[in-house]
Amino acid sequence: MADNKSKRTSSPALPWKTRIQLSILNTFNDASRRRDGTVNRRLIRFFESRLRTPANPNPINGVRTSDVTVDSSRNLWFRLFIPTQLTEHDDSSSDSQIPVIVFFHGGGFVYLSPDAKSYDVVCRRFARKIPAVVISVNYRLAPEDRYPAQYEDGFDVLKFLDGEKSVLPENADLSRCFLAGDSAGGNLAHHVAKRACESKFKDLKIAGLMAIQPFFGGEERTKSEIELAGVDLLVSVSRTDWMWKAFMPEGKGMNRDHEVINVSGKNAADISQLDFPATLVVAAGFDSLQDWQKRDDLQLLMTGVLSSPSFDDECPFISLIIGVNEGCFIFSIAGVSSSQLSMTVAVVIISSLVFQTIADGLVFQIVAPVIISGIVFQTVAAGLVFQTVAAVIISGLALMFKYRLITFFLEALCELTSDWASSPHHG
């Protein structure tokens, strides 16, 4: 055990299904990032569009959802989660009042949104289990919109709620408003809370803050970043460095020691004179950012903020998503049709060839986990195996002939899989 403390070379104890899907996600994230600091947003949108959950006014597991627009010009909106068992009645007495949680999703300020399946599941469960009215914010993403756009969006949602209380159920108690978020969302919640403390609202009051493995950092390389360098994690130093570079605008002082990134450094804002809300900071032993999170917790305690740390030595990064989705992780293969998954794989492969953003080895790294998951889990039609193998063949030919026959092969793939699926020998 002592050796593990000094140098961790093993991976966190995750379900093997989660490991496979994490491998796919790692590869996809790397494929979407360009060397010039931009992202292939078209590829990201195509991939994420297959894994989104629409709002549903009809209750699912006791929670109904709707999407509310705050400012269409910047695509600022939120998904509203309402637990029906406590809101669909006429009793508006104080005993029936329930808190409001404003939640900010993770994704390194670059990826994901409230309608991602994972965050829809997370917020739906929060609403039902606590219970609470949950507001999951869709803020602008980097690098298209850099700092401070995300913080402006988060704060403007609070102002909107304070002025447009009619969008909430009658028994939503804005005087018990909690800010919460994981990863980048934890960072965002922290700084929105600070700004809220410096502002005046009519009804809204921040009662608490939950920063779940918040995305903090600095120019220094911490012990956890060094020790976990050899572990295959979603959040590696190279990935976080790229995300911070994509997030911050160019200019003097716009580095990882900026006050919004290094909240415990010399440039950090002084919150000792603010009525900063009681805070829960969650850190994990297999999160390379854990030292920054622990420093944040210590800084809060030193400034007089009631802070409650939570640490699990064996917990991986984005444990919120893994735990709430019960091993399903961010992208559930079981929830995607075979044709969608096959086409997604093909597009990722082809885009990697066309834009030359990654090495040829990506083809194997992406396709192999998909084939394995299709065979082992039997969560999709048997046709997935055939379609995926066909995609591998196509990618191999594309490597030989480059881009000339890509369109032809895609059309042929669709025809072949369609004919094969309808064949009397199928099944």
Protein backbone atom coordinates (compact mmCIF):
# COMPACT_ATOMS: atom_id res chain seq x y z
CA MET A 1 0.00 0.00 0.00
CA ALA A 2 2.88 2.32 0.76
CA ASP A 3 4.25 1.84 -2.73
CA ASN A 4 0.93 2.89 -4.21
CA LYS A 5 1.10 6.08 -2.21
CA SER A 6 4.49 7.02 -3.65
CA LYS A 7 3.84 5.98 -7.24
CA ARG A 8 0.49 4.85 -8.57
CA THR A 9 0.75 2.78 -11.71
CA SER A 10 -2.53 0.86 -11.52
CA SER A 11 -5.86 2.13 -12.76
CA PRO A 12 -8.87 2.75 -10.50
CA ALA A 13 -11.08 -0.24 -9.75
CA LEU A 14 -13.81 0.42 -12.30
CA PRO A 15 -16.33 -1.99 -13.83
CA TRP A 16 -14.87 -3.43 -17.03
CA LYS A 17 -17.78 -2.03 -19.04
CA THR A 18 -16.90 1.42 -17.75
CA ARG A 19 -13.23 0.87 -18.63
CA ILE A 20 -14.09 0.06 -22.23
CA GLN A 21 -16.36 3.07 -22.59
CA LEU A 22 -13.77 5.29 -20.88
CA SER A 23 -11.25 4.15 -23.50
CA ILE A 24 -13.65 5.18 -26.26
CA LEU A 25 -14.24 8.56 -24.60
CA ASN A 26 -10.51 9.20 -24.16
CA THR A 27 -9.88 8.48 -27.82
CA PHE A 28 -12.80 10.61 -28.94
CA ASN A 29 -11.67 13.57 -26.81
CA ASP A 30 -8.16 13.35 -28.21
CA ALA A 31 -9.50 13.08 -31.77
CA SER A 32 -11.64 16.20 -31.41
CA ARG A 33 -8.79 18.41 -30.16
CA ARG A 34 -6.69 20.16 -32.80
CA ARG A 35 -3.07 21.18 -32.45
CA ASP A 36 -3.89 24.86 -33.05
CA GLY A 37 -6.03 25.00 -29.90
CA THR A 38 -9.39 24.66 -31.63
CA VAL A 39 -11.78 21.71 -31.60
CA ASN A 40 -13.62 19.82 -34.31
CA ARG A 41 -17.01 21.03 -33.11
CA ARG A 42 -18.81 19.38 -36.03
CA LEU A 43 -17.46 16.00 -34.96
CA ILE A 44 -18.32 16.69 -31.32
CA ARG A 45 -21.87 17.71 -32.16
CA PHE A 46 -22.37 14.69 -34.39
CA PHE A 47 -21.17 12.33 -31.67
CA GLU A 48 -23.03 14.01 -28.81
CA SER A 49 -26.25 14.36 -30.82
CA ARG A 50 -26.57 10.57 -30.81
CA LEU A 51 -26.38 10.56 -27.03
CA ARG A 52 -28.72 13.34 -26.02
CA THR A 53 -31.94 13.04 -24.06
CA PRO A 54 -34.81 15.39 -24.97
CA ALA A 55 -36.83 17.15 -22.28
CA ASN A 56 -39.99 15.28 -21.35
CA PRO A 57 -43.07 16.93 -19.80
CA ASN A 58 -44.36 13.47 -18.91
CA PRO A 59 -42.84 12.24 -15.63
CA ILE A 60 -40.07 9.64 -15.86
CA ASN A 61 -39.28 8.05 -12.50
CA GLY A 62 -41.30 10.79 -10.82
CA VAL A 63 -39.52 13.73 -12.50
CA ARG A 64 -40.66 15.84 -15.44
CA THR A 65 -38.36 18.09 -17.43
CA SER A 66 -38.53 21.13 -19.67
CA ASP A 67 -35.99 23.42 -21.35
CA VAL A 68 -36.17 27.14 -20.54
CA THR A 69 -34.47 29.79 -22.69
CA VAL A 70 -32.69 32.64 -20.91
CA ASP A 71 -30.96 34.32 -23.88
CA SER A 72 -31.27 32.77 -27.34
CA SER A 73 -28.56 35.04 -28.80
CA ARG A 74 -25.89 33.15 -26.82
CA ASN A 75 -27.72 29.83 -26.56
CA LEU A 76 -28.13 30.29 -22.81
CA TRP A 77 -30.80 27.95 -21.47
CA PHE A 78 -31.35 25.46 -18.70
CA ARG A 79 -33.10 22.16 -18.21
CA LEU A 80 -35.63 22.24 -15.40
CA PHE A 81 -36.15 19.05 -13.36
CA ILE A 82 -39.31 18.99 -11.24
CA PRO A 83 -40.16 16.13 -8.83
CA THR A 84 -43.85 15.64 -9.49
CA GLN A 85 -44.79 13.96 -6.21
CA LEU A 86 -44.00 17.14 -4.26
CA THR A 87 -44.97 19.86 -6.72
CA GLU A 88 -48.22 18.82 -8.38
CA HIS A 89 -50.60 19.88 -5.63
CA ASP A 90 -52.14 23.08 -4.35
CA ASP A 91 -50.41 23.11 -0.98
CA SER A 92 -47.85 25.94 -0.98
CA SER A 93 -47.27 25.99 2.78
CA SER A 94 -43.77 26.35 4.18
CA ASP A 95 -43.73 22.66 5.05
CA SER A 96 -43.96 21.73 1.38
CA GLN A 97 -41.27 24.13 0.17
CA ILE A 98 -38.33 22.39 -1.49
CA PRO A 99 -34.85 23.75 -2.25
CA VAL A 100 -33.52 24.76 -5.64
CA ILE A 101 -30.24 23.38 -7.01
CA VAL A 102 -28.50 25.21 -9.84
CA PHE A 103 -26.20 22.64 -11.42
CA PHE A 104 -23.29 23.22 -13.82
CA HIS A 105 -22.11 20.27 -15.90
CA GLY A 106 -18.49 19.23 -16.37
CA GLY A 107 -16.50 18.77 -19.56
CA GLY A 108 -13.41 20.94 -19.15
CA PHE A 109 -15.38 24.00 -20.34
CA VAL A 110 -15.17 22.43 -23.82
CA TYR A 111 -17.56 19.47 -23.91
CA LEU A 112 -21.07 18.31 -22.98
CA SER A 113 -24.37 19.98 -22.12
CA PRO A 114 -27.40 19.51 -19.82
CA ASP A 115 -29.14 17.27 -22.35
CA ALA A 116 -26.29 14.75 -22.37
CA LYS A 117 -27.71 11.45 -21.19
CA SER A 118 -25.34 11.27 -18.23
CA TYR A 119 -26.28 14.67 -16.81
CA ASP A 120 -29.97 14.16 -17.47
CA VAL A 121 -29.75 11.01 -15.32
CA VAL A 122 -27.70 12.78 -12.62
CA CYS A 123 -30.03 15.75 -12.26
CA ARG A 124 -33.16 13.61 -12.49
CA ARG A 125 -31.91 11.57 -9.56
CA PHE A 126 -31.01 14.69 -7.56
CA ALA A 127 -34.53 16.02 -8.08
CA ARG A 128 -36.16 12.78 -6.98
CA LYS A 129 -33.90 11.70 -4.12
CA ILE A 130 -33.27 14.99 -2.31
CA PRO A 131 -36.00 16.14 -3.35
CA ALA A 132 -35.35 19.47 -5.04
CA VAL A 133 -36.06 21.52 -8.13
CA VAL A 134 -32.92 21.17 -10.24
CA ILE A 135 -31.77 23.64 -12.88
CA SER A 136 -29.02 22.34 -15.17
CA VAL A 137 -27.36 25.23 -17.02
CA ASN A 138 -26.22 25.22 -20.65
CA TYR A 139 -23.36 27.73 -20.65
CA ARG A 140 -21.13 28.75 -23.56
CA LEU A 141 -18.15 26.53 -24.32
CA ALA A 142 -14.49 27.17 -25.11
CA PRO A 143 -12.56 27.73 -27.26
CA GLU A 144 -15.29 29.46 -29.28
CA ASP A 145 -16.26 31.47 -26.19
CA ARG A 146 -13.47 31.97 -23.70
CA TYR A 147 -13.35 33.28 -20.14
CA PRO A 148 -15.31 35.07 -18.71
CA ALA A 149 -18.30 33.99 -20.86
CA GLN A 150 -19.04 30.90 -18.75
CA TYR A 151 -19.18 32.84 -15.47
CA GLU A 152 -21.38 35.51 -17.02
CA ASP A 153 -23.80 32.83 -18.18
CA GLY A 154 -23.92 31.19 -14.77
CA PHE A 155 -24.58 34.44 -12.94
CA ASP A 156 -27.18 35.57 -15.48
CA VAL A 157 -29.16 32.39 -14.84
CA LEU A 158 -29.35 33.37 -11.15
CA LYS A 159 -30.60 36.83 -12.10
CA PHE A 160 -33.15 35.28 -14.44
CA LEU A 161 -34.47 32.99 -11.71
CA ASP A 162 -34.72 35.88 -9.26
CA GLY A 163 -36.75 37.93 -11.75
CA GLU A 164 -38.74 35.16 -13.44
CA LYS A 165 -39.81 33.01 -10.53
CA SER A 166 -42.93 31.99 -12.45
CA VAL A 167 -40.91 29.45 -14.44
CA LEU A 168 -40.51 27.46 -11.21
CA PRO A 169 -43.17 25.50 -9.34
CA GLU A 170 -44.88 27.46 -6.57
CA ASN A 171 -43.20 25.54 -3.78
CA ALA A 172 -39.66 26.10 -5.08
CA ASP A 173 -37.81 27.92 -2.30
CA LEU A 174 -35.28 30.35 -3.83
CA SER A 175 -34.13 31.35 -0.36
CA ARG A 176 -32.60 27.87 -0.21
CA CYS A 177 -30.71 27.90 -3.48
CA PHE A 178 -27.68 25.62 -3.72
CA LEU A 179 -25.00 25.83 -6.40
CA ALA A 180 -23.44 22.56 -7.52
CA GLY A 181 -21.25 21.20 -10.27
CA ASP A 182 -18.66 18.60 -11.14
CA SER A 183 -15.27 19.19 -12.76
CA ALA A 184 -15.51 22.44 -14.77
CA GLY A 185 -18.98 22.84 -13.30
CA GLY A 186 -17.49 22.77 -9.80
CA ASN A 187 -15.13 25.58 -10.76
CA LEU A 188 -18.02 27.50 -12.27
CA ALA A 189 -20.22 27.02 -9.20
CA HIS A 190 -17.41 28.30 -6.94
CA HIS A 191 -16.95 31.55 -8.85
CA VAL A 192 -20.66 32.14 -9.46
CA ALA A 193 -21.14 31.77 -5.68
CA LYS A 194 -18.46 34.41 -5.10
CA ARG A 195 -20.13 36.85 -7.48
CA ALA A 196 -23.53 36.14 -5.95
CA CYS A 197 -22.11 37.07 -2.53
CA GLU A 198 -21.14 40.46 -3.97
CA SER A 199 -24.60 41.06 -5.45
CA LYS A 200 -28.13 41.67 -4.22
CA PHE A 201 -31.15 39.57 -5.16
CA LYS A 202 -34.82 40.02 -4.43
CA ASP A 203 -35.68 36.47 -3.38
CA LEU A 204 -32.70 34.27 -4.23
CA LYS A 205 -30.17 33.38 -1.55
CA ILE A 206 -27.23 31.02 -1.93
CA ALA A 207 -27.51 28.55 0.93
CA GLY A 208 -24.67 26.22 0.02
CA LEU A 209 -22.11 25.11 -2.55
CA MET A 210 -21.24 21.58 -3.68
CA ALA A 211 -17.99 21.44 -5.68
CA ILE A 212 -17.60 17.85 -6.89
CA GLN A 213 -14.00 17.23 -7.97
CA PRO A 214 -13.77 20.84 -9.18
CA PHE A 215 -11.55 21.71 -12.13
CA PHE A 216 -8.81 23.83 -10.54
CA GLY A 217 -5.13 24.02 -11.39
CA GLY A 218 -1.95 26.06 -11.53
CA GLU A 219 1.43 26.43 -13.19
CA GLU A 220 3.04 24.22 -10.55
CA ARG A 221 3.00 20.45 -11.02
CA THR A 222 1.53 18.95 -7.87
CA LYS A 223 2.36 15.63 -6.27
CA SER A 224 -0.86 14.02 -7.49
CA GLU A 225 -0.30 15.21 -11.05
CA ILE A 226 3.18 13.67 -11.05
CA GLU A 227 2.24 10.42 -9.31
CA LEU A 228 -0.75 9.75 -11.55
CA ALA A 229 1.08 10.58 -14.78
CA GLY A 230 1.45 6.88 -15.62
CA VAL A 231 -2.18 5.99 -14.99
CA ASP A 232 -4.61 5.96 -17.91
CA LEU A 233 -7.07 8.62 -16.79
CA LEU A 234 -9.57 10.82 -18.56
CA VAL A 235 -8.02 13.90 -16.97
CA SER A 236 -4.31 13.80 -17.75
CA VAL A 237 -1.92 16.74 -17.42
CA SER A 238 -1.65 17.12 -21.19
CA ARG A 239 -5.44 17.25 -21.56
CA THR A 240 -5.99 19.72 -18.72
CA ASP A 241 -3.19 21.98 -20.00
CA TRP A 242 -4.87 22.03 -23.41
CA MET A 243 -8.28 22.78 -21.88
CA TRP A 244 -6.96 25.68 -19.82
CA LYS A 245 -5.24 27.09 -22.90
CA ALA A 246 -8.51 26.81 -24.83
CA PHE A 247 -10.41 28.42 -21.94
CA MET A 248 -8.25 31.47 -21.21
CA PRO A 249 -7.89 34.36 -23.68
CA GLU A 250 -4.40 35.44 -24.67
CA GLY A 251 -2.80 38.22 -22.69
CA LYS A 252 -0.66 39.09 -19.70
CA GLY A 253 -1.50 37.03 -16.64
CA MET A 254 -3.79 34.72 -18.59
CA ASN A 255 -2.11 31.53 -17.44
CA ARG A 256 -2.88 28.68 -15.05
CA ASP A 257 -2.13 30.87 -12.02
CA HIS A 258 -5.04 33.15 -12.90
CA GLU A 259 -7.48 33.61 -10.01
CA VAL A 260 -10.25 31.57 -11.64
CA ILE A 261 -7.96 28.56 -12.10
CA ASN A 262 -5.65 28.65 -9.08
CA VAL A 263 -8.13 29.55 -6.34
CA SER A 264 -5.56 28.97 -3.58
CA GLY A 265 -2.62 30.80 -5.18
CA LYS A 266 -1.20 34.28 -4.71
CA ASN A 267 -3.58 35.74 -7.29
CA ALA A 268 -6.68 34.16 -5.73
CA ALA A 269 -9.57 36.42 -4.77
CA ASP A 270 -9.98 37.22 -1.07
CA ILE A 271 -13.32 35.84 0.09
CA SER A 272 -12.69 36.29 3.81
CA GLN A 273 -14.93 39.36 3.96
CA LEU A 274 -17.75 37.76 1.97
CA ASP A 275 -20.70 35.81 3.30
CA PHE A 276 -19.49 32.82 1.31
CA PRO A 277 -21.86 29.84 1.56
CA ALA A 278 -21.08 26.62 3.41
CA THR A 279 -19.18 24.42 0.99
CA LEU A 280 -18.70 20.72 0.33
CA VAL A 281 -15.56 19.90 -1.67
CA VAL A 282 -15.26 16.36 -3.03
CA ALA A 283 -11.85 14.98 -4.05
CA ALA A 284 -10.75 11.55 -5.23
CA GLY A 285 -7.57 9.48 -5.00
CA PHE A 286 -7.43 8.72 -8.71
CA ASP A 287 -8.09 12.30 -9.77
CA SER A 288 -4.86 14.02 -10.78
CA LEU A 289 -6.41 17.34 -9.70
CA GLN A 290 -6.98 16.22 -6.10
CA ASP A 291 -4.18 18.35 -4.62
CA TRP A 292 -5.70 21.51 -6.08
CA GLN A 293 -9.09 20.51 -4.67
CA LYS A 294 -7.63 19.87 -1.20
CA ARG A 295 -5.90 23.25 -1.29
CA ASP A 296 -9.21 24.90 -2.12
CA ASP A 297 -10.83 23.24 0.88
CA LEU A 298 -7.99 24.35 3.15
CA GLN A 299 -8.18 27.89 1.78
CA LEU A 300 -11.91 28.00 2.52
CA LEU A 301 -11.32 26.86 6.11
CA MET A 302 -8.58 29.46 6.59
CA THR A 303 -10.92 32.24 5.45
CA GLY A 304 -13.62 31.17 7.88
CA VAL A 305 -15.93 29.40 5.45
CA LEU A 306 -17.72 26.35 6.82
CA SER A 307 -16.21 23.71 4.59
CA SER A 308 -16.78 19.96 4.63
CA PRO A 309 -14.16 17.90 2.76
CA SER A 310 -14.92 14.49 1.28
CA PHE A 311 -12.12 12.25 0.03
CA ASP A 312 -12.01 8.66 -1.25
CA ASP A 313 -8.54 7.29 -1.98
CA GLU A 314 -9.81 4.73 -4.52
CA CYS A 315 -12.34 6.96 -6.24
CA PRO A 316 -11.70 7.84 -9.91
CA PHE A 317 -12.26 11.08 -11.75
CA ILE A 318 -15.88 12.01 -12.67
CA SER A 319 -17.09 9.63 -9.97
CA LEU A 320 -20.40 11.51 -9.91
CA ILE A 321 -21.23 10.31 -13.42
CA ILE A 322 -19.95 6.79 -12.84
CA GLY A 323 -21.82 6.42 -9.55
CA VAL A 324 -25.16 7.90 -10.51
CA ASN A 325 -25.25 6.10 -13.83
CA GLU A 326 -24.45 2.86 -12.00
CA GLY A 327 -21.55 1.74 -14.14
CA CYS A 328 -23.10 2.95 -17.37
CA PHE A 329 -20.69 5.89 -17.58
CA ILE A 330 -21.19 8.83 -19.89
CA PHE A 331 -22.15 7.12 -23.12
CA SER A 332 -24.33 4.02 -22.78
CA ILE A 333 -23.87 1.69 -25.72
CA ALA A 334 -27.13 0.02 -24.74
CA GLY A 335 -28.96 3.27 -25.45
CA VAL A 336 -27.63 3.69 -28.98
CA SER A 337 -28.86 1.81 -32.00
CA SER A 338 -26.43 -0.36 -33.94
CA SER A 339 -26.65 1.87 -37.01
CA GLN A 340 -25.96 5.01 -34.96
CA LEU A 341 -22.95 3.48 -33.26
CA SER A 342 -21.54 2.04 -36.47
CA MET A 343 -21.92 5.33 -38.29
CA THR A 344 -20.36 7.23 -35.38
CA VAL A 345 -17.33 4.96 -35.47
CA ALA A 346 -17.02 5.34 -39.23
CA VAL A 347 -17.23 9.14 -39.03
CA VAL A 348 -14.61 9.33 -36.28
CA ILE A 349 -12.28 7.15 -38.32
CA ILE A 350 -12.79 9.09 -41.52
CA SER A 351 -12.45 12.47 -39.83
CA SER A 352 -9.17 11.36 -38.32
CA LEU A 353 -7.95 10.53 -41.80
CA VAL A 354 -9.21 13.67 -43.48
CA PHE A 355 -8.04 16.17 -40.89
CA GLN A 356 -4.94 14.22 -39.90
CA THR A 357 -5.39 15.15 -36.24
CA ILE A 358 -4.23 11.85 -34.80
CA ALA A 359 -2.09 8.83 -35.54
CA ASP A 360 -3.23 5.83 -37.57
CA GLY A 361 -3.36 3.86 -34.33
CA LEU A 362 -6.61 5.64 -33.48
CA VAL A 363 -8.46 3.32 -35.86
CA PHE A 364 -7.68 0.32 -33.71
CA GLN A 365 -8.14 2.19 -30.44
CA ILE A 366 -11.66 3.27 -31.35
CA VAL A 367 -12.95 0.20 -33.16
CA ALA A 368 -11.56 -2.53 -30.89
CA PRO A 369 -13.49 -1.46 -27.76
CA VAL A 370 -16.68 -1.09 -29.79
CA ILE A 371 -16.36 -4.61 -31.21
CA ILE A 372 -15.61 -6.04 -27.77
CA SER A 373 -18.53 -4.25 -26.15
CA GLY A 374 -20.88 -5.36 -28.90
CA ILE A 375 -19.85 -8.99 -28.56
CA VAL A 376 -19.56 -9.23 -24.79
CA PHE A 377 -22.49 -7.16 -23.58
CA GLN A 378 -24.95 -8.14 -26.29
CA THR A 379 -26.61 -4.79 -25.70
CA VAL A 380 -27.24 -4.08 -29.36
CA ALA A 381 -28.27 -6.09 -32.39
CA ALA A 382 -25.94 -8.76 -33.70
CA GLY A 383 -25.60 -6.59 -36.77
CA LEU A 384 -23.33 -4.27 -34.78
CA VAL A 385 -20.47 -6.74 -35.07
CA PHE A 386 -20.81 -6.98 -38.84
CA GLN A 387 -21.21 -3.22 -39.27
CA THR A 388 -18.23 -2.43 -37.09
CA VAL A 389 -16.01 -4.94 -38.87
CA ALA A 390 -17.13 -3.40 -42.14
CA ALA A 391 -16.11 0.00 -40.78
CA VAL A 392 -12.66 -1.41 -39.95
CA ILE A 393 -12.31 -2.72 -43.50
CA ILE A 394 -13.32 0.67 -44.85
CA SER A 395 -10.79 2.45 -42.67
CA GLY A 396 -8.07 0.07 -43.84
CA LEU A 397 -8.90 0.75 -47.47
CA ALA A 398 -9.00 4.46 -46.75
CA LEU A 399 -5.50 4.25 -45.32
CA MET A 400 -4.38 2.70 -48.62
CA PHE A 401 -6.30 4.89 -51.01
CA LYS A 402 -6.60 7.95 -48.75
CA TYR A 403 -9.81 9.84 -49.48
CA ARG A 404 -10.82 8.77 -53.00
CA LEU A 405 -13.30 6.03 -52.18
CA ILE A 406 -14.64 7.15 -48.80
CA THR A 407 -18.06 8.19 -50.10
CA PHE A 408 -18.46 5.02 -52.14
CA PHE A 409 -17.55 2.79 -49.22
CA LEU A 410 -19.96 4.55 -46.85
CA GLU A 411 -22.80 4.07 -49.30
CA ALA A 412 -21.82 0.45 -49.82
CA LEU A 413 -21.70 -0.10 -46.06
CA CYS A 414 -25.25 1.18 -45.65
CA GLU A 415 -26.52 -1.02 -48.48
CA LEU A 416 -24.66 -4.11 -47.29
CA THR A 417 -25.81 -3.81 -43.70
CA SER A 418 -29.38 -3.15 -44.80
CA ASP A 419 -29.40 -6.19 -47.11
CA TRP A 420 -27.72 -8.37 -44.48
CA ALA A 421 -30.15 -7.37 -41.74
CA SER A 422 -33.14 -8.22 -43.94
CA SER A 423 -31.66 -11.49 -45.19
CA PRO A 424 -33.59 -14.68 -44.26
CA HIS A 425 -30.28 -16.13 -43.02
CA HIS A 426 -29.91 -13.37 -40.46
CA GLY A 427 -30.52 -14.47 -36.91
